[in-house]
Amino acid sequence: MTIVGIGVDVCEISRFEEMLLRTPGLVERLFSPEEARHRPASLAGRFAAKEAFAKALGSPGGLVWRDCEVRKTTDGQPYFVTTGTVAELEQRLGIVRTHLSMSHDGGIATAFVVCENAGQES
């Protein structure tokens, strides 16, 4: 495996909550219906995860936020489910594995992403 990209992002939870309150429809633009059910601290973590993923993919324009959904295994390990613009970019870059770590504490949500391909140059 070869690392294609690494991304990290942090999000101040209280500031993110204020942004959600000020901007009607933002939750629907950023999150899937399943994601939207979570409390603000978890949404901030998911937002940080999507930002970190975009950075790991090279920060291209044109990605649709809802084409990337953060889910968790029954053990609580986070992972991405991608469709549309994000899945197309993953395919183009040859990404076969993505690692995601998320946390929130002390009013800050953070996420770290590593994308790998099968060893070919992208």
PDB file of N, CA and C in Angstrom:
ATOM      1  N   MET A   1       0.847  -1.183   0.000  1.00  0.00           N
ATOM      2  CA  MET A   1       0.000   0.000   0.000  1.00  0.00           C
ATOM      3  C   MET A   1       0.894   1.249   0.000  1.00  0.00           C
ATOM      4  N   THR A   2       0.400   2.291  -0.663  1.00  0.00           N
ATOM      5  CA  THR A   2       1.080   3.574  -0.716  1.00  0.00           C
ATOM      6  C   THR A   2       0.129   4.648  -0.203  1.00  0.00           C
ATOM      7  N   ILE A   3       0.638   5.518   0.645  1.00  0.00           N
ATOM      8  CA  ILE A   3      -0.186   6.620   1.137  1.00  0.00           C
ATOM      9  C   ILE A   3      -0.371   7.636   0.021  1.00  0.00           C
ATOM     10  N   VAL A   4      -1.620   7.933  -0.285  1.00  0.00           N
ATOM     11  CA  VAL A   4      -1.977   8.907  -1.317  1.00  0.00           C
ATOM     12  C   VAL A   4      -2.110  10.294  -0.708  1.00  0.00           C
ATOM     13  N   GLY A   5      -2.656  10.354   0.506  1.00  0.00           N
ATOM     14  CA  GLY A   5      -2.852  11.646   1.152  1.00  0.00           C
ATOM     15  C   GLY A   5      -3.168  11.507   2.626  1.00  0.00           C
ATOM     16  N   ILE A   6      -2.871  12.568   3.351  1.00  0.00           N
ATOM     17  CA  ILE A   6      -3.139  12.659   4.781  1.00  0.00           C
ATOM     18  C   ILE A   6      -3.858  13.979   5.014  1.00  0.00           C
ATOM     19  N   GLY A   7      -4.881  13.950   5.859  1.00  0.00           N
ATOM     20  CA  GLY A   7      -5.609  15.179   6.174  1.00  0.00           C
ATOM     21  C   GLY A   7      -5.955  15.238   7.643  1.00  0.00           C
ATOM     22  N   VAL A   8      -5.938  16.420   8.196  1.00  0.00           N
ATOM     23  CA  VAL A   8      -6.332  16.634   9.586  1.00  0.00           C
ATOM     24  C   VAL A   8      -7.169  17.907   9.648  1.00  0.00           C
ATOM     25  N   ASP A   9      -8.132  17.929  10.563  1.00  0.00           N
ATOM     26  CA  ASP A   9      -8.937  19.132  10.741  1.00  0.00           C
ATOM     27  C   ASP A   9      -9.421  19.197  12.175  1.00  0.00           C
ATOM     28  N   VAL A  10      -9.597  20.417  12.662  1.00  0.00           N
ATOM     29  CA  VAL A  10     -10.175  20.655  13.982  1.00  0.00           C
ATOM     30  C   VAL A  10     -11.352  21.608  13.820  1.00  0.00           C
ATOM     31  N   CYS A  11     -12.303  21.496  14.734  1.00  0.00           N
ATOM     32  CA  CYS A  11     -13.507  22.313  14.664  1.00  0.00           C
ATOM     33  C   CYS A  11     -13.911  22.677  16.091  1.00  0.00           C
ATOM     34  N   GLU A  12     -14.018  23.966  16.362  1.00  0.00           N
ATOM     35  CA  GLU A  12     -14.474  24.411  17.677  1.00  0.00           C
ATOM     36  C   GLU A  12     -15.983  24.153  17.767  1.00  0.00           C
ATOM     37  N   ILE A  13     -16.374  23.330  18.710  1.00  0.00           N
ATOM     38  CA  ILE A  13     -17.762  22.860  18.787  1.00  0.00           C
ATOM     39  C   ILE A  13     -18.745  24.010  18.990  1.00  0.00           C
ATOM     40  N   SER A  14     -18.477  24.924  19.901  1.00  0.00           N
ATOM     41  CA  SER A  14     -19.426  26.020  20.145  1.00  0.00           C
ATOM     42  C   SER A  14     -19.567  26.918  18.914  1.00  0.00           C
ATOM     43  N   ARG A  15     -18.504  27.164  18.230  1.00  0.00           N
ATOM     44  CA  ARG A  15     -18.557  27.978  17.005  1.00  0.00           C
ATOM     45  C   ARG A  15     -19.349  27.262  15.912  1.00  0.00           C
ATOM     46  N   PHE A  16     -19.162  25.937  15.827  1.00  0.00           N
ATOM     47  CA  PHE A  16     -19.901  25.150  14.846  1.00  0.00           C
ATOM     48  C   PHE A  16     -21.402  25.173  15.168  1.00  0.00           C
ATOM     49  N   GLU A  17     -21.753  25.044  16.453  1.00  0.00           N
ATOM     50  CA  GLU A  17     -23.159  25.124  16.866  1.00  0.00           C
ATOM     51  C   GLU A  17     -23.769  26.463  16.480  1.00  0.00           C
ATOM     52  N   GLU A  18     -23.043  27.556  16.702  1.00  0.00           N
ATOM     53  CA  GLU A  18     -23.529  28.890  16.331  1.00  0.00           C
ATOM     54  C   GLU A  18     -23.759  28.980  14.824  1.00  0.00           C
ATOM     55  N   MET A  19     -22.850  28.411  14.054  1.00  0.00           N
ATOM     56  CA  MET A  19     -22.972  28.426  12.601  1.00  0.00           C
ATOM     57  C   MET A  19     -24.237  27.672  12.177  1.00  0.00           C
ATOM     58  N   LEU A  20     -24.524  26.545  12.823  1.00  0.00           N
ATOM     59  CA  LEU A  20     -25.728  25.771  12.496  1.00  0.00           C
ATOM     60  C   LEU A  20     -26.991  26.566  12.809  1.00  0.00           C
ATOM     61  N   LEU A  21     -26.974  27.312  13.916  1.00  0.00           N
ATOM     62  CA  LEU A  21     -28.134  28.110  14.296  1.00  0.00           C
ATOM     63  C   LEU A  21     -28.343  29.300  13.359  1.00  0.00           C
ATOM     64  N   ARG A  22     -27.250  29.919  12.907  1.00  0.00           N
ATOM     65  CA  ARG A  22     -27.316  31.101  12.037  1.00  0.00           C
ATOM     66  C   ARG A  22     -27.683  30.781  10.594  1.00  0.00           C
ATOM     67  N   THR A  23     -27.404  29.530  10.169  1.00  0.00           N
ATOM     68  CA  THR A  23     -27.537  29.211   8.752  1.00  0.00           C
ATOM     69  C   THR A  23     -28.576  28.105   8.544  1.00  0.00           C
ATOM     70  N   PRO A  24     -29.821  28.486   8.292  1.00  0.00           N
ATOM     71  CA  PRO A  24     -30.862  27.482   8.047  1.00  0.00           C
ATOM     72  C   PRO A  24     -30.490  26.602   6.848  1.00  0.00           C
ATOM     73  N   GLY A  25     -30.740  25.336   6.981  1.00  0.00           N
ATOM     74  CA  GLY A  25     -30.463  24.415   5.879  1.00  0.00           C
ATOM     75  C   GLY A  25     -29.046  23.885   5.828  1.00  0.00           C
ATOM     76  N   LEU A  26     -28.168  24.380   6.684  1.00  0.00           N
ATOM     77  CA  LEU A  26     -26.774  23.941   6.638  1.00  0.00           C
ATOM     78  C   LEU A  26     -26.643  22.452   6.963  1.00  0.00           C
ATOM     79  N   VAL A  27     -27.391  21.999   7.944  1.00  0.00           N
ATOM     80  CA  VAL A  27     -27.320  20.575   8.309  1.00  0.00           C
ATOM     81  C   VAL A  27     -27.668  19.713   7.102  1.00  0.00           C
ATOM     82  N   GLU A  28     -28.712  20.088   6.362  1.00  0.00           N
ATOM     83  CA  GLU A  28     -29.134  19.311   5.200  1.00  0.00           C
ATOM     84  C   GLU A  28     -28.103  19.358   4.073  1.00  0.00           C
ATOM     85  N   ARG A  29     -27.354  20.458   3.968  1.00  0.00           N
ATOM     86  CA  ARG A  29     -26.324  20.570   2.918  1.00  0.00           C
ATOM     87  C   ARG A  29     -25.072  19.769   3.257  1.00  0.00           C
ATOM     88  N   LEU A  30     -24.776  19.632   4.548  1.00  0.00           N
ATOM     89  CA  LEU A  30     -23.526  18.988   4.966  1.00  0.00           C
ATOM     90  C   LEU A  30     -23.658  17.511   5.300  1.00  0.00           C
ATOM     91  N   PHE A  31     -24.841  17.106   5.785  1.00  0.00           N
ATOM     92  CA  PHE A  31     -24.960  15.783   6.386  1.00  0.00           C
ATOM     93  C   PHE A  31     -26.111  14.972   5.801  1.00  0.00           C
ATOM     94  N   SER A  32     -25.927  13.662   5.798  1.00  0.00           N
ATOM     95  CA  SER A  32     -26.998  12.746   5.410  1.00  0.00           C
ATOM     96  C   SER A  32     -28.075  12.781   6.492  1.00  0.00           C
ATOM     97  N   PRO A  33     -29.273  12.295   6.188  1.00  0.00           N
ATOM     98  CA  PRO A  33     -30.319  12.253   7.218  1.00  0.00           C
ATOM     99  C   PRO A  33     -29.885  11.469   8.463  1.00  0.00           C
ATOM    100  N   GLU A  34     -29.156  10.393   8.266  1.00  0.00           N
ATOM    101  CA  GLU A  34     -28.676   9.605   9.418  1.00  0.00           C
ATOM    102  C   GLU A  34     -27.679  10.415  10.257  1.00  0.00           C
ATOM    103  N   GLU A  35     -26.752  11.097   9.589  1.00  0.00           N
ATOM    104  CA  GLU A  35     -25.778  11.917  10.319  1.00  0.00           C
ATOM    105  C   GLU A  35     -26.472  13.055  11.052  1.00  0.00           C
ATOM    106  N   ALA A  36     -27.473  13.658  10.432  1.00  0.00           N
ATOM    107  CA  ALA A  36     -28.148  14.834  10.990  1.00  0.00           C
ATOM    108  C   ALA A  36     -28.826  14.556  12.324  1.00  0.00           C
ATOM    109  N   ARG A  37     -29.027  13.305  12.656  1.00  0.00           N
ATOM    110  CA  ARG A  37     -29.668  12.940  13.930  1.00  0.00           C
ATOM    111  C   ARG A  37     -28.755  13.110  15.141  1.00  0.00           C
ATOM    112  N   HIS A  38     -27.471  13.287  14.906  1.00  0.00           N
ATOM    113  CA  HIS A  38     -26.497  13.362  16.004  1.00  0.00           C
ATOM    114  C   HIS A  38     -26.489  14.733  16.664  1.00  0.00           C
ATOM    115  N   ARG A  39     -25.988  14.765  17.879  1.00  0.00           N
ATOM    116  CA  ARG A  39     -25.882  16.025  18.625  1.00  0.00           C
ATOM    117  C   ARG A  39     -24.772  16.885  18.026  1.00  0.00           C
ATOM    118  N   PRO A  40     -24.765  18.182  18.345  1.00  0.00           N
ATOM    119  CA  PRO A  40     -23.815  19.109  17.725  1.00  0.00           C
ATOM    120  C   PRO A  40     -22.337  18.716  17.858  1.00  0.00           C
ATOM    121  N   ALA A  41     -21.921  18.198  19.007  1.00  0.00           N
ATOM    122  CA  ALA A  41     -20.510  17.814  19.152  1.00  0.00           C
ATOM    123  C   ALA A  41     -20.140  16.717  18.161  1.00  0.00           C
ATOM    124  N   SER A  42     -21.043  15.762  17.956  1.00  0.00           N
ATOM    125  CA  SER A  42     -20.793  14.695  16.982  1.00  0.00           C
ATOM    126  C   SER A  42     -20.831  15.225  15.554  1.00  0.00           C
ATOM    127  N   LEU A  43     -21.728  16.187  15.292  1.00  0.00           N
ATOM    128  CA  LEU A  43     -21.765  16.809  13.964  1.00  0.00           C
ATOM    129  C   LEU A  43     -20.471  17.569  13.687  1.00  0.00           C
ATOM    130  N   ALA A  44     -19.956  18.246  14.693  1.00  0.00           N
ATOM    131  CA  ALA A  44     -18.683  18.962  14.529  1.00  0.00           C
ATOM    132  C   ALA A  44     -17.568  17.973  14.194  1.00  0.00           C
ATOM    133  N   GLY A  45     -17.573  16.813  14.848  1.00  0.00           N
ATOM    134  CA  GLY A  45     -16.576  15.782  14.542  1.00  0.00           C
ATOM    135  C   GLY A  45     -16.722  15.255  13.136  1.00  0.00           C
ATOM    136  N   ARG A  46     -17.949  15.062  12.699  1.00  0.00           N
ATOM    137  CA  ARG A  46     -18.186  14.585  11.337  1.00  0.00           C
ATOM    138  C   ARG A  46     -17.793  15.647  10.311  1.00  0.00           C
ATOM    139  N   PHE A  47     -18.036  16.913  10.621  1.00  0.00           N
ATOM    140  CA  PHE A  47     -17.612  17.986   9.737  1.00  0.00           C
ATOM    141  C   PHE A  47     -16.076  17.997   9.634  1.00  0.00           C
ATOM    142  N   ALA A  48     -15.402  17.881  10.776  1.00  0.00           N
ATOM    143  CA  ALA A  48     -13.932  17.832  10.770  1.00  0.00           C
ATOM    144  C   ALA A  48     -13.445  16.632   9.959  1.00  0.00           C
ATOM    145  N   ALA A  49     -14.145  15.492  10.078  1.00  0.00           N
ATOM    146  CA  ALA A  49     -13.757  14.301   9.322  1.00  0.00           C
ATOM    147  C   ALA A  49     -13.879  14.537   7.818  1.00  0.00           C
ATOM    148  N   LYS A  50     -14.963  15.168   7.395  1.00  0.00           N
ATOM    149  CA  LYS A  50     -15.157  15.448   5.969  1.00  0.00           C
ATOM    150  C   LYS A  50     -14.109  16.433   5.457  1.00  0.00           C
ATOM    151  N   GLU A  51     -13.793  17.436   6.265  1.00  0.00           N
ATOM    152  CA  GLU A  51     -12.739  18.396   5.893  1.00  0.00           C
ATOM    153  C   GLU A  51     -11.385  17.686   5.780  1.00  0.00           C
ATOM    154  N   ALA A  52     -11.076  16.832   6.755  1.00  0.00           N
ATOM    155  CA  ALA A  52      -9.805  16.105   6.735  1.00  0.00           C
ATOM    156  C   ALA A  52      -9.740  15.172   5.522  1.00  0.00           C
ATOM    157  N   PHE A  53     -10.861  14.536   5.194  1.00  0.00           N
ATOM    158  CA  PHE A  53     -10.914  13.652   4.030  1.00  0.00           C
ATOM    159  C   PHE A  53     -10.659  14.442   2.752  1.00  0.00           C
ATOM    160  N   ALA A  54     -11.299  15.600   2.622  1.00  0.00           N
ATOM    161  CA  ALA A  54     -11.084  16.437   1.437  1.00  0.00           C
ATOM    162  C   ALA A  54      -9.602  16.817   1.319  1.00  0.00           C
ATOM    163  N   LYS A  55      -8.966  17.136   2.431  1.00  0.00           N
ATOM    164  CA  LYS A  55      -7.537  17.471   2.409  1.00  0.00           C
ATOM    165  C   LYS A  55      -6.702  16.270   1.978  1.00  0.00           C
ATOM    166  N   ALA A  56      -7.052  15.079   2.476  1.00  0.00           N
ATOM    167  CA  ALA A  56      -6.321  13.873   2.093  1.00  0.00           C
ATOM    168  C   ALA A  56      -6.490  13.565   0.609  1.00  0.00           C
ATOM    169  N   LEU A  57      -7.603  14.002   0.041  1.00  0.00           N
ATOM    170  CA  LEU A  57      -7.864  13.797  -1.387  1.00  0.00           C
ATOM    171  C   LEU A  57      -7.258  14.904  -2.254  1.00  0.00           C
ATOM    172  N   GLY A  58      -6.568  15.847  -1.636  1.00  0.00           N
ATOM    173  CA  GLY A  58      -5.920  16.915  -2.397  1.00  0.00           C
ATOM    174  C   GLY A  58      -6.712  18.202  -2.459  1.00  0.00           C
ATOM    175  N   SER A  59      -7.768  18.313  -1.683  1.00  0.00           N
ATOM    176  CA  SER A  59      -8.618  19.515  -1.608  1.00  0.00           C
ATOM    177  C   SER A  59      -9.135  19.992  -2.962  1.00  0.00           C
ATOM    178  N   PRO A  60      -9.637  19.077  -3.769  1.00  0.00           N
ATOM    179  CA  PRO A  60     -10.167  19.512  -5.068  1.00  0.00           C
ATOM    180  C   PRO A  60     -11.502  20.222  -4.901  1.00  0.00           C
ATOM    181  N   GLY A  61     -11.819  21.086  -5.821  1.00  0.00           N
ATOM    182  CA  GLY A  61     -13.133  21.719  -5.817  1.00  0.00           C
ATOM    183  C   GLY A  61     -14.168  20.752  -6.365  1.00  0.00           C
ATOM    184  N   GLY A  62     -15.420  21.056  -6.134  1.00  0.00           N
ATOM    185  CA  GLY A  62     -16.493  20.287  -6.734  1.00  0.00           C
ATOM    186  C   GLY A  62     -16.973  19.081  -5.957  1.00  0.00           C
ATOM    187  N   LEU A  63     -16.400  18.811  -4.781  1.00  0.00           N
ATOM    188  CA  LEU A  63     -16.888  17.688  -3.981  1.00  0.00           C
ATOM    189  C   LEU A  63     -18.188  18.083  -3.287  1.00  0.00           C
ATOM    190  N   VAL A  64     -19.122  17.168  -3.246  1.00  0.00           N
ATOM    191  CA  VAL A  64     -20.400  17.386  -2.580  1.00  0.00           C
ATOM    192  C   VAL A  64     -20.311  16.790  -1.180  1.00  0.00           C
ATOM    193  N   TRP A  65     -20.585  17.620  -0.164  1.00  0.00           N
ATOM    194  CA  TRP A  65     -20.441  17.185   1.231  1.00  0.00           C
ATOM    195  C   TRP A  65     -21.217  15.922   1.541  1.00  0.00           C
ATOM    196  N   ARG A  66     -22.421  15.819   1.016  1.00  0.00           N
ATOM    197  CA  ARG A  66     -23.266  14.663   1.338  1.00  0.00           C
ATOM    198  C   ARG A  66     -22.841  13.406   0.600  1.00  0.00           C
ATOM    199  N   ASP A  67     -21.882  13.515  -0.320  1.00  0.00           N
ATOM    200  CA  ASP A  67     -21.331  12.331  -0.996  1.00  0.00           C
ATOM    201  C   ASP A  67     -20.328  11.595  -0.123  1.00  0.00           C
ATOM    202  N   CYS A  68     -20.160  12.066   1.080  1.00  0.00           N
ATOM    203  CA  CYS A  68     -19.253  11.454   2.043  1.00  0.00           C
ATOM    204  C   CYS A  68     -19.982  11.389   3.383  1.00  0.00           C
ATOM    205  N   GLU A  69     -20.259  10.183   3.836  1.00  0.00           N
ATOM    206  CA  GLU A  69     -20.998  10.006   5.091  1.00  0.00           C
ATOM    207  C   GLU A  69     -20.114   9.291   6.103  1.00  0.00           C
ATOM    208  N   VAL A  70     -20.109   9.787   7.332  1.00  0.00           N
ATOM    209  CA  VAL A  70     -19.363   9.145   8.416  1.00  0.00           C
ATOM    210  C   VAL A  70     -20.309   8.203   9.136  1.00  0.00           C
ATOM    211  N   ARG A  71     -19.893   6.955   9.223  1.00  0.00           N
ATOM    212  CA  ARG A  71     -20.646   5.945   9.978  1.00  0.00           C
ATOM    213  C   ARG A  71     -19.700   5.311  10.995  1.00  0.00           C
ATOM    214  N   LYS A  72     -20.252   4.488  11.858  1.00  0.00           N
ATOM    215  CA  LYS A  72     -19.434   3.777  12.849  1.00  0.00           C
ATOM    216  C   LYS A  72     -19.814   2.306  12.864  1.00  0.00           C
ATOM    217  N   THR A  73     -18.804   1.454  13.071  1.00  0.00           N
ATOM    218  CA  THR A  73     -19.054   0.034  13.223  1.00  0.00           C
ATOM    219  C   THR A  73     -19.749  -0.199  14.563  1.00  0.00           C
ATOM    220  N   THR A  74     -20.207  -1.409  14.792  1.00  0.00           N
ATOM    221  CA  THR A  74     -20.841  -1.727  16.074  1.00  0.00           C
ATOM    222  C   THR A  74     -19.870  -1.549  17.232  1.00  0.00           C
ATOM    223  N   ASP A  75     -18.571  -1.610  16.948  1.00  0.00           N
ATOM    224  CA  ASP A  75     -17.540  -1.384  17.969  1.00  0.00           C
ATOM    225  C   ASP A  75     -17.205   0.095  18.146  1.00  0.00           C
ATOM    226  N   GLY A  76     -17.809   0.962  17.322  1.00  0.00           N
ATOM    227  CA  GLY A  76     -17.587   2.395  17.437  1.00  0.00           C
ATOM    228  C   GLY A  76     -16.496   2.966  16.553  1.00  0.00           C
ATOM    229  N   GLN A  77     -15.890   2.140  15.700  1.00  0.00           N
ATOM    230  CA  GLN A  77     -14.834   2.631  14.808  1.00  0.00           C
ATOM    231  C   GLN A  77     -15.464   3.414  13.661  1.00  0.00           C
ATOM    232  N   PRO A  78     -15.040   4.670  13.452  1.00  0.00           N
ATOM    233  CA  PRO A  78     -15.618   5.465  12.362  1.00  0.00           C
ATOM    234  C   PRO A  78     -15.052   5.070  11.000  1.00  0.00           C
ATOM    235  N   TYR A  79     -15.882   5.222   9.985  1.00  0.00           N
ATOM    236  CA  TYR A  79     -15.450   4.967   8.614  1.00  0.00           C
ATOM    237  C   TYR A  79     -16.322   5.807   7.678  1.00  0.00           C
ATOM    238  N   PHE A  80     -15.881   5.928   6.429  1.00  0.00           N
ATOM    239  CA  PHE A  80     -16.611   6.693   5.429  1.00  0.00           C
ATOM    240  C   PHE A  80     -17.389   5.771   4.494  1.00  0.00           C
ATOM    241  N   VAL A  81     -18.569   6.225   4.091  1.00  0.00           N
ATOM    242  CA  VAL A  81     -19.309   5.639   2.981  1.00  0.00           C
ATOM    243  C   VAL A  81     -19.377   6.746   1.942  1.00  0.00           C
ATOM    244  N   THR A  82     -18.871   6.469   0.753  1.00  0.00           N
ATOM    245  CA  THR A  82     -18.801   7.508  -0.275  1.00  0.00           C
ATOM    246  C   THR A  82     -19.664   7.149  -1.482  1.00  0.00           C
ATOM    247  N   THR A  83     -20.156   8.201  -2.120  1.00  0.00           N
ATOM    248  CA  THR A  83     -20.942   8.082  -3.343  1.00  0.00           C
ATOM    249  C   THR A  83     -20.561   9.260  -4.243  1.00  0.00           C
ATOM    250  N   GLY A  84     -21.129   9.307  -5.414  1.00  0.00           N
ATOM    251  CA  GLY A  84     -21.022  10.473  -6.294  1.00  0.00           C
ATOM    252  C   GLY A  84     -19.625  11.033  -6.460  1.00  0.00           C
ATOM    253  N   THR A  85     -19.494  12.333  -6.239  1.00  0.00           N
ATOM    254  CA  THR A  85     -18.238  13.042  -6.510  1.00  0.00           C
ATOM    255  C   THR A  85     -17.060  12.501  -5.708  1.00  0.00           C
ATOM    256  N   VAL A  86     -17.300  12.113  -4.468  1.00  0.00           N
ATOM    257  CA  VAL A  86     -16.203  11.623  -3.627  1.00  0.00           C
ATOM    258  C   VAL A  86     -15.781  10.223  -4.075  1.00  0.00           C
ATOM    259  N   ALA A  87     -16.738   9.351  -4.339  1.00  0.00           N
ATOM    260  CA  ALA A  87     -16.416   7.999  -4.811  1.00  0.00           C
ATOM    261  C   ALA A  87     -15.683   8.048  -6.152  1.00  0.00           C
ATOM    262  N   GLU A  88     -16.085   8.964  -7.028  1.00  0.00           N
ATOM    263  CA  GLU A  88     -15.423   9.104  -8.331  1.00  0.00           C
ATOM    264  C   GLU A  88     -13.964   9.524  -8.153  1.00  0.00           C
ATOM    265  N   LEU A  89     -13.712  10.455  -7.243  1.00  0.00           N
ATOM    266  CA  LEU A  89     -12.337  10.890  -7.005  1.00  0.00           C
ATOM    267  C   LEU A  89     -11.512   9.770  -6.381  1.00  0.00           C
ATOM    268  N   GLU A  90     -12.087   9.044  -5.444  1.00  0.00           N
ATOM    269  CA  GLU A  90     -11.374   7.899  -4.861  1.00  0.00           C
ATOM    270  C   GLU A  90     -10.966   6.912  -5.954  1.00  0.00           C
ATOM    271  N   GLN A  91     -11.880   6.633  -6.864  1.00  0.00           N
ATOM    272  CA  GLN A  91     -11.586   5.695  -7.945  1.00  0.00           C
ATOM    273  C   GLN A  91     -10.462   6.230  -8.840  1.00  0.00           C
ATOM    274  N   ARG A  92     -10.551   7.517  -9.165  1.00  0.00           N
ATOM    275  CA  ARG A  92      -9.530   8.125 -10.033  1.00  0.00           C
ATOM    276  C   ARG A  92      -8.144   8.075  -9.389  1.00  0.00           C
ATOM    277  N   LEU A  93      -8.091   8.259  -8.065  1.00  0.00           N
ATOM    278  CA  LEU A  93      -6.818   8.230  -7.340  1.00  0.00           C
ATOM    279  C   LEU A  93      -6.382   6.809  -6.992  1.00  0.00           C
ATOM    280  N   GLY A  94      -7.237   5.835  -7.262  1.00  0.00           N
ATOM    281  CA  GLY A  94      -6.912   4.444  -6.964  1.00  0.00           C
ATOM    282  C   GLY A  94      -6.954   4.117  -5.480  1.00  0.00           C
ATOM    283  N   ILE A  95      -7.707   4.880  -4.715  1.00  0.00           N
ATOM    284  CA  ILE A  95      -7.755   4.666  -3.265  1.00  0.00           C
ATOM    285  C   ILE A  95      -8.508   3.368  -2.965  1.00  0.00           C
ATOM    286  N   VAL A  96      -7.856   2.510  -2.194  1.00  0.00           N
ATOM    287  CA  VAL A  96      -8.460   1.237  -1.823  1.00  0.00           C
ATOM    288  C   VAL A  96      -8.706   1.122  -0.315  1.00  0.00           C
ATOM    289  N   ARG A  97      -8.119   2.032   0.454  1.00  0.00           N
ATOM    290  CA  ARG A  97      -8.305   1.982   1.903  1.00  0.00           C
ATOM    291  C   ARG A  97      -8.194   3.392   2.480  1.00  0.00           C
ATOM    292  N   THR A  98      -9.132   3.715   3.384  1.00  0.00           N
ATOM    293  CA  THR A  98      -9.126   5.011   4.064  1.00  0.00           C
ATOM    294  C   THR A  98      -9.225   4.770   5.558  1.00  0.00           C
ATOM    295  N   HIS A  99      -8.350   5.417   6.304  1.00  0.00           N
ATOM    296  CA  HIS A  99      -8.341   5.316   7.763  1.00  0.00           C
ATOM    297  C   HIS A  99      -8.881   6.628   8.331  1.00  0.00           C
ATOM    298  N   LEU A 100      -9.749   6.533   9.331  1.00  0.00           N
ATOM    299  CA  LEU A 100     -10.347   7.711   9.955  1.00  0.00           C
ATOM    300  C   LEU A 100     -10.282   7.585  11.465  1.00  0.00           C
ATOM    301  N   SER A 101      -9.808   8.640  12.113  1.00  0.00           N
ATOM    302  CA  SER A 101      -9.832   8.737  13.570  1.00  0.00           C
ATOM    303  C   SER A 101     -10.466  10.069  13.929  1.00  0.00           C
ATOM    304  N   MET A 102     -11.402  10.031  14.886  1.00  0.00           N
ATOM    305  CA  MET A 102     -12.122  11.234  15.311  1.00  0.00           C
ATOM    306  C   MET A 102     -12.144  11.291  16.828  1.00  0.00           C
ATOM    307  N   SER A 103     -12.201  12.531  17.345  1.00  0.00           N
ATOM    308  CA  SER A 103     -12.330  12.709  18.785  1.00  0.00           C
ATOM    309  C   SER A 103     -12.909  14.087  19.061  1.00  0.00           C
ATOM    310  N   HIS A 104     -13.542  14.243  20.210  1.00  0.00           N
ATOM    311  CA  HIS A 104     -13.915  15.583  20.656  1.00  0.00           C
ATOM    312  C   HIS A 104     -13.760  15.652  22.167  1.00  0.00           C
ATOM    313  N   ASP A 105     -13.100  16.739  22.598  1.00  0.00           N
ATOM    314  CA  ASP A 105     -12.825  16.959  24.015  1.00  0.00           C
ATOM    315  C   ASP A 105     -12.435  18.416  24.189  1.00  0.00           C
ATOM    316  N   GLY A 106     -12.738  18.966  25.338  1.00  0.00           N
ATOM    317  CA  GLY A 106     -12.333  20.334  25.628  1.00  0.00           C
ATOM    318  C   GLY A 106     -12.900  21.355  24.660  1.00  0.00           C
ATOM    319  N   GLY A 107     -14.080  21.063  24.090  1.00  0.00           N
ATOM    320  CA  GLY A 107     -14.707  22.004  23.188  1.00  0.00           C
ATOM    321  C   GLY A 107     -14.206  21.962  21.757  1.00  0.00           C
ATOM    322  N   ILE A 108     -13.335  21.000  21.443  1.00  0.00           N
ATOM    323  CA  ILE A 108     -12.762  20.888  20.104  1.00  0.00           C
ATOM    324  C   ILE A 108     -13.032  19.497  19.548  1.00  0.00           C
ATOM    325  N   ALA A 109     -13.479  19.439  18.299  1.00  0.00           N
ATOM    326  CA  ALA A 109     -13.607  18.172  17.583  1.00  0.00           C
ATOM    327  C   ALA A 109     -12.437  18.089  16.610  1.00  0.00           C
ATOM    328  N   THR A 110     -11.867  16.914  16.471  1.00  0.00           N
ATOM    329  CA  THR A 110     -10.728  16.738  15.577  1.00  0.00           C
ATOM    330  C   THR A 110     -10.878  15.441  14.791  1.00  0.00           C
ATOM    331  N   ALA A 111     -10.284  15.425  13.614  1.00  0.00           N
ATOM    332  CA  ALA A 111     -10.319  14.225  12.775  1.00  0.00           C
ATOM    333  C   ALA A 111      -9.014  14.121  11.999  1.00  0.00           C
ATOM    334  N   PHE A 112      -8.603  12.893  11.764  1.00  0.00           N
ATOM    335  CA  PHE A 112      -7.378  12.588  11.031  1.00  0.00           C
ATOM    336  C   PHE A 112      -7.699  11.497  10.022  1.00  0.00           C
ATOM    337  N   VAL A 113      -7.262  11.684   8.770  1.00  0.00           N
ATOM    338  CA  VAL A 113      -7.573  10.748   7.694  1.00  0.00           C
ATOM    339  C   VAL A 113      -6.298  10.395   6.933  1.00  0.00           C
ATOM    340  N   VAL A 114      -6.157   9.117   6.598  1.00  0.00           N
ATOM    341  CA  VAL A 114      -5.079   8.637   5.738  1.00  0.00           C
ATOM    342  C   VAL A 114      -5.718   7.818   4.621  1.00  0.00           C
ATOM    343  N   CYS A 115      -5.376   8.144   3.371  1.00  0.00           N
ATOM    344  CA  CYS A 115      -5.877   7.414   2.204  1.00  0.00           C
ATOM    345  C   CYS A 115      -4.720   6.642   1.568  1.00  0.00           C
ATOM    346  N   GLU A 116      -5.006   5.387   1.198  1.00  0.00           N
ATOM    347  CA  GLU A 116      -3.991   4.542   0.570  1.00  0.00           C
ATOM    348  C   GLU A 116      -4.485   4.017  -0.761  1.00  0.00           C
ATOM    349  N   ASN A 117      -3.528   3.789  -1.666  1.00  0.00           N
ATOM    350  CA  ASN A 117      -3.859   3.069  -2.884  1.00  0.00           C
ATOM    351  C   ASN A 117      -3.064   1.772  -2.880  1.00  0.00           C
ATOM    352  N   ALA A 118      -3.213   0.969  -3.935  1.00  0.00           N
ATOM    353  CA  ALA A 118      -2.593  -0.357  -3.967  1.00  0.00           C
ATOM    354  C   ALA A 118      -1.109  -0.314  -4.330  1.00  0.00           C
ATOM    355  N   GLY A 119      -0.536   0.874  -4.361  1.00  0.00           N
ATOM    356  CA  GLY A 119       0.891   0.971  -4.640  1.00  0.00           C
ATOM    357  C   GLY A 119       1.222   1.651  -5.947  1.00  0.00           C
ATOM    358  N   GLN A 120       0.241   1.855  -6.796  1.00  0.00           N
ATOM    359  CA  GLN A 120       0.493   2.537  -8.060  1.00  0.00           C
ATOM    360  C   GLN A 120       0.610   4.035  -7.838  1.00  0.00           C
ATOM    361  N   GLU A 121       1.318   4.698  -8.694  1.00  0.00           N
ATOM    362  CA  GLU A 121       1.442   6.156  -8.631  1.00  0.00           C
ATOM    363  C   GLU A 121       0.114   6.772  -9.034  1.00  0.00           C
ATOM    364  N   SER A 122      -0.284   7.853  -8.319  1.00  0.00           N
ATOM    365  CA  SER A 122      -1.549   8.517  -8.670  1.00  0.00           C
ATOM    366  C   SER A 122      -1.307   9.751  -9.492  1.00  0.00           C
TER     367      SER A 122
END
